[in-house]
Amino acid sequence: MGLSGESAKENGEIMTRKVLVKIQGMQVMDGETAPSPELITTGTYTMDEGVHQVVYEEQLSETEQITVNCLTFFDGKVELNKDGEVQILMVFEKGRRSRTLYRTPYGDVFVELHAKDVDIEMQEDGIILRLEYGLTMNEIHKLECTLKVHITYMEE
């Protein structure tokens, strides 16, 4: 791959890099469109035997508690695991539905995801993930969501 600043072993083993993570989202409910707050942070990218992983932190509210996010993707499948102030494991695989429990300080919510499109675009300077999915919470609220994650390799 020849990327400068990378820490990699030969023969397709582990590669680790510092990355800039930019996340943009959009939600549509009852015809009303609302953008999610944009998140820009740094993280660590690891690639091991074709499995890509990005770990980054975010602060979700005014509290000092940090949520650690682990974004794992391979073969058209994306998993987002949040652990901290909130806890959830979201699985996105085109055309598939998944159910999970979203734990928040205010109580637990059952979530069903329906991944409509999962696009993983490998670029020379990073990776772009595009997710389109339906989201149902406690079998009541229905949202149509898009999420774009732009992962840029940083010089070390």
Protein backbone atom coordinates (compact mmCIF):
# COMPACT_ATOMS: atom_id res chain seq x y z
CA MET A 1 0.00 0.00 0.00
CA GLY A 2 2.97 2.28 0.55
CA LEU A 3 1.31 4.73 2.94
CA SER A 4 3.78 6.97 4.75
CA GLY A 5 3.68 7.01 8.53
CA GLU A 6 2.02 3.62 8.86
CA SER A 7 3.03 0.95 11.29
CA ALA A 8 2.58 -2.35 9.45
CA LYS A 9 3.95 -5.84 9.48
CA GLU A 10 4.69 -7.61 6.22
CA ASN A 11 2.56 -10.41 4.74
CA GLY A 12 -0.84 -8.83 5.38
CA GLU A 13 -0.70 -8.73 9.15
CA ILE A 14 -1.62 -5.77 11.36
CA MET A 15 -1.53 -2.14 10.18
CA THR A 16 -2.21 0.71 12.65
CA ARG A 17 -2.59 4.45 11.90
CA LYS A 18 -3.81 7.62 13.53
CA VAL A 19 -6.91 8.96 11.75
CA LEU A 20 -9.23 11.94 11.64
CA VAL A 21 -12.87 10.82 11.90
CA LYS A 22 -15.68 13.03 10.56
CA ILE A 23 -19.27 11.83 11.01
CA GLN A 24 -22.30 13.45 9.40
CA GLY A 25 -25.85 12.18 9.74
CA MET A 26 -29.36 12.98 8.58
CA GLN A 27 -32.68 11.72 9.93
CA VAL A 28 -36.14 11.92 8.36
CA MET A 29 -39.28 11.37 10.46
CA ASP A 30 -42.80 12.06 9.20
CA GLY A 31 -41.39 14.00 6.24
CA GLU A 32 -39.31 16.30 8.47
CA THR A 33 -35.55 16.27 7.85
CA ALA A 34 -33.13 16.96 10.68
CA PRO A 35 -29.33 16.85 10.42
CA SER A 36 -27.46 15.30 13.34
CA PRO A 37 -24.65 17.30 14.94
CA GLU A 38 -21.40 16.74 13.05
CA LEU A 39 -18.64 14.97 14.98
CA ILE A 40 -14.97 15.55 14.18
CA THR A 41 -12.43 13.72 16.31
CA THR A 42 -9.25 11.68 16.12
CA GLY A 43 -8.94 7.95 16.51
CA THR A 44 -6.92 4.86 15.74
CA TYR A 45 -7.37 2.77 12.59
CA THR A 46 -6.31 -0.88 12.54
CA MET A 47 -6.47 -3.36 9.67
CA ASP A 48 -5.88 -7.03 10.39
CA GLU A 49 -6.53 -9.79 7.84
CA GLY A 50 -9.09 -7.73 5.91
CA VAL A 51 -10.98 -6.52 8.99
CA HIS A 52 -10.89 -2.74 9.41
CA GLN A 53 -11.44 -1.12 12.79
CA VAL A 54 -11.58 2.52 13.92
CA VAL A 55 -11.69 3.38 17.62
CA TYR A 56 -12.57 6.94 18.65
CA GLU A 57 -14.07 8.75 21.64
CA GLU A 58 -16.95 11.19 21.91
CA GLN A 59 -18.66 13.15 24.66
CA LEU A 60 -22.43 12.84 24.15
CA SER A 61 -23.69 15.38 26.69
CA GLU A 62 -22.55 18.01 29.16
CA THR A 63 -21.32 15.28 31.52
CA GLU A 64 -17.65 14.47 31.59
CA GLN A 65 -18.26 10.83 30.68
CA ILE A 66 -16.66 9.65 27.44
CA THR A 67 -18.21 7.09 25.10
CA VAL A 68 -15.73 4.84 23.29
CA ASN A 69 -16.84 3.92 19.79
CA CYS A 70 -15.51 0.96 17.85
CA LEU A 71 -16.38 0.94 14.16
CA THR A 72 -15.60 -2.41 12.50
CA PHE A 73 -16.12 -3.12 8.80
CA PHE A 74 -15.38 -5.91 6.33
CA ASP A 75 -17.04 -7.61 3.33
CA GLY A 76 -19.92 -5.09 3.08
CA LYS A 77 -20.77 -5.30 6.77
CA VAL A 78 -20.40 -2.44 9.29
CA GLU A 79 -20.68 -2.72 13.07
CA LEU A 80 -20.74 0.25 15.45
CA ASN A 81 -20.24 -0.55 19.13
CA LYS A 82 -20.69 2.31 21.62
CA ASP A 83 -19.60 1.84 25.24
CA GLY A 84 -19.81 4.56 27.88
CA GLU A 85 -22.64 6.95 28.70
CA VAL A 86 -24.69 4.97 26.16
CA GLN A 87 -24.22 1.38 25.05
CA ILE A 88 -25.32 -0.18 21.77
CA LEU A 89 -24.09 -2.56 19.10
CA MET A 90 -25.46 -1.56 15.69
CA VAL A 91 -25.00 -3.99 12.78
CA PHE A 92 -25.43 -2.84 9.17
CA GLU A 93 -25.49 -5.35 6.32
CA LYS A 94 -27.36 -4.37 3.13
CA GLY A 95 -30.87 -5.79 3.02
CA ARG A 96 -30.70 -7.20 6.54
CA ARG A 97 -32.50 -6.32 9.74
CA SER A 98 -30.94 -6.43 13.18
CA ARG A 99 -32.31 -5.87 16.68
CA THR A 100 -30.43 -4.50 19.62
CA LEU A 101 -30.83 -2.83 23.00
CA TYR A 102 -29.82 0.83 23.32
CA ARG A 103 -28.84 1.56 26.92
CA THR A 104 -28.99 5.23 27.97
CA PRO A 105 -28.85 7.04 31.32
CA TYR A 106 -32.60 7.60 30.91
CA GLY A 107 -33.54 3.97 30.30
CA ASP A 108 -33.27 1.22 27.73
CA VAL A 109 -34.78 1.31 24.24
CA PHE A 110 -35.25 -1.63 21.86
CA VAL A 111 -33.97 -0.71 18.40
CA GLU A 112 -34.48 -2.41 15.06
CA LEU A 113 -32.25 -1.42 12.15
CA HIS A 114 -32.97 -2.14 8.49
CA ALA A 115 -29.83 -1.53 6.43
CA LYS A 116 -30.88 -0.35 2.97
CA ASP A 117 -27.42 0.48 1.66
CA VAL A 118 -23.89 -0.05 2.98
CA ASP A 119 -21.05 1.45 0.95
CA ILE A 120 -17.38 1.11 1.93
CA GLU A 121 -15.12 3.18 -0.30
CA MET A 122 -11.37 2.66 0.11
CA GLN A 123 -9.33 5.68 -1.00
CA GLU A 124 -5.63 6.47 -1.09
CA ASP A 125 -5.91 8.97 1.79
CA GLY A 126 -8.60 7.17 3.82
CA ILE A 127 -11.99 5.49 3.79
CA ILE A 128 -15.58 6.70 3.33
CA LEU A 129 -18.48 4.74 4.80
CA ARG A 130 -22.04 5.54 3.70
CA LEU A 131 -24.96 3.93 5.48
CA GLU A 132 -28.66 4.26 4.69
CA TYR A 133 -31.02 2.59 7.13
CA GLY A 134 -34.42 2.58 8.74
CA LEU A 135 -34.58 2.78 12.52
CA THR A 136 -37.50 1.75 14.73
CA MET A 137 -37.41 2.37 18.49
CA ASN A 138 -39.67 0.35 20.83
CA GLU A 139 -41.71 -0.53 17.72
CA ILE A 140 -43.07 3.04 17.64
CA HIS A 141 -40.82 5.72 16.14
CA LYS A 142 -39.72 5.21 12.57
CA LEU A 143 -36.78 7.15 11.20
CA GLU A 144 -35.02 7.03 7.86
CA CYS A 145 -31.34 7.72 8.44
CA THR A 146 -28.18 8.34 6.47
CA LEU A 147 -24.74 8.33 8.01
CA LYS A 148 -21.47 9.30 6.33
CA VAL A 149 -18.18 8.52 8.06
CA HIS A 150 -15.06 10.00 6.48
CA ILE A 151 -11.85 8.46 7.88
CA THR A 152 -8.68 10.31 6.85
CA TYR A 153 -5.18 8.95 7.49
CA MET A 154 -3.03 11.40 9.48
CA GLU A 155 0.67 11.97 8.99
CA GLU A 156 2.71 10.72 11.93
